[in-house]
Amino acid sequence: MKELVEVLARALVDQPDKVVVDLIERDKSTLIELKVAPEDMGKVIGKQGRIAKAIRTVVKVSAARQKKKVIVEII
């Protein structure tokens, strides 16, 4: 999951070296924190949050195949 978010984010931003993805395991779910450079925040979120929603959807489908619950937060 972490690698999937990282690949998607690096493809979207101008500064791929500043993309940081952290994985935090919780009781019943996994939290993925995506951090990008402030200048690239708009590119990851997109107009009206469409790109962020698309990233979350792709990760959610991938997690569902593994019978896991994953939450993606963009920081």
Protein backbone atom coordinates (compact mmCIF):
# COMPACT_ATOMS: atom_id res chain seq x y z
CA MET A 1 0.00 0.00 0.00
CA LYS A 2 2.74 2.42 0.99
CA GLU A 3 4.57 1.90 -2.30
CA LEU A 4 1.37 2.47 -4.28
CA VAL A 5 0.74 5.85 -2.65
CA GLU A 6 4.37 6.82 -3.07
CA VAL A 7 4.40 5.99 -6.80
CA LEU A 8 1.16 7.88 -7.41
CA ALA A 9 2.32 10.95 -5.49
CA ARG A 10 5.77 11.07 -7.11
CA ALA A 11 4.14 11.00 -10.55
CA LEU A 12 2.01 14.04 -9.71
CA VAL A 13 4.45 16.46 -8.07
CA ASP A 14 7.29 18.67 -9.30
CA GLN A 15 9.58 17.72 -6.39
CA PRO A 16 9.35 13.92 -6.09
CA ASP A 17 12.31 13.79 -3.70
CA LYS A 18 10.22 15.60 -1.05
CA VAL A 19 7.44 13.00 -1.04
CA VAL A 20 7.30 11.14 2.28
CA VAL A 21 4.87 8.32 3.00
CA ASP A 22 4.46 7.02 6.55
CA LEU A 23 2.57 3.87 7.46
CA ILE A 24 0.91 3.72 10.89
CA GLU A 25 -0.69 0.45 11.99
CA ARG A 26 -3.78 0.73 14.17
CA ASP A 27 -6.07 -1.86 15.76
CA LYS A 28 -8.46 -2.42 12.87
CA SER A 29 -7.04 -0.18 10.18
CA THR A 30 -3.88 1.24 8.67
CA LEU A 31 -3.20 4.95 8.32
CA ILE A 32 -1.06 6.19 5.45
CA GLU A 33 0.23 9.75 5.82
CA LEU A 34 1.33 11.45 2.61
CA LYS A 35 3.57 14.50 2.97
CA VAL A 36 4.62 16.63 -0.02
CA ALA A 37 6.28 20.00 -0.51
CA PRO A 38 3.91 22.93 0.16
CA GLU A 39 4.15 24.01 -3.49
CA ASP A 40 2.95 20.58 -4.62
CA MET A 41 0.00 20.33 -2.23
CA GLY A 42 -2.45 21.63 -4.84
CA LYS A 43 -1.30 19.07 -7.39
CA VAL A 44 -1.90 16.20 -4.99
CA ILE A 45 -5.30 17.49 -3.85
CA GLY A 46 -6.55 18.70 -7.24
CA LYS A 47 -9.56 20.83 -8.05
CA GLN A 48 -12.29 20.22 -5.48
CA GLY A 49 -10.23 17.33 -4.10
CA ARG A 50 -10.69 15.12 -7.13
CA ILE A 51 -7.12 13.80 -7.29
CA ALA A 52 -7.01 13.17 -3.54
CA LYS A 53 -10.30 11.29 -3.81
CA ALA A 54 -8.95 9.24 -6.72
CA ILE A 55 -5.81 8.31 -4.76
CA ARG A 56 -7.96 7.25 -1.80
CA THR A 57 -10.23 5.19 -4.06
CA VAL A 58 -7.33 3.32 -5.68
CA VAL A 59 -5.81 2.56 -2.27
CA LYS A 60 -9.18 1.52 -0.86
CA VAL A 61 -9.75 -0.96 -3.71
CA SER A 62 -6.26 -2.35 -3.31
CA ALA A 63 -6.79 -2.72 0.44
CA ALA A 64 -10.18 -4.39 -0.05
CA ARG A 65 -8.53 -7.11 -2.13
CA GLN A 66 -6.30 -7.84 0.86
CA LYS A 67 -9.26 -7.57 3.27
CA LYS A 68 -7.80 -4.55 5.06
CA LYS A 69 -9.03 -1.06 5.88
CA VAL A 70 -6.71 1.76 4.88
CA ILE A 71 -7.08 5.50 5.46
CA VAL A 72 -5.02 7.99 3.42
CA GLU A 73 -4.32 11.43 4.92
CA ILE A 74 -2.56 14.17 2.98
CA ILE A 75 -0.52 16.39 5.27
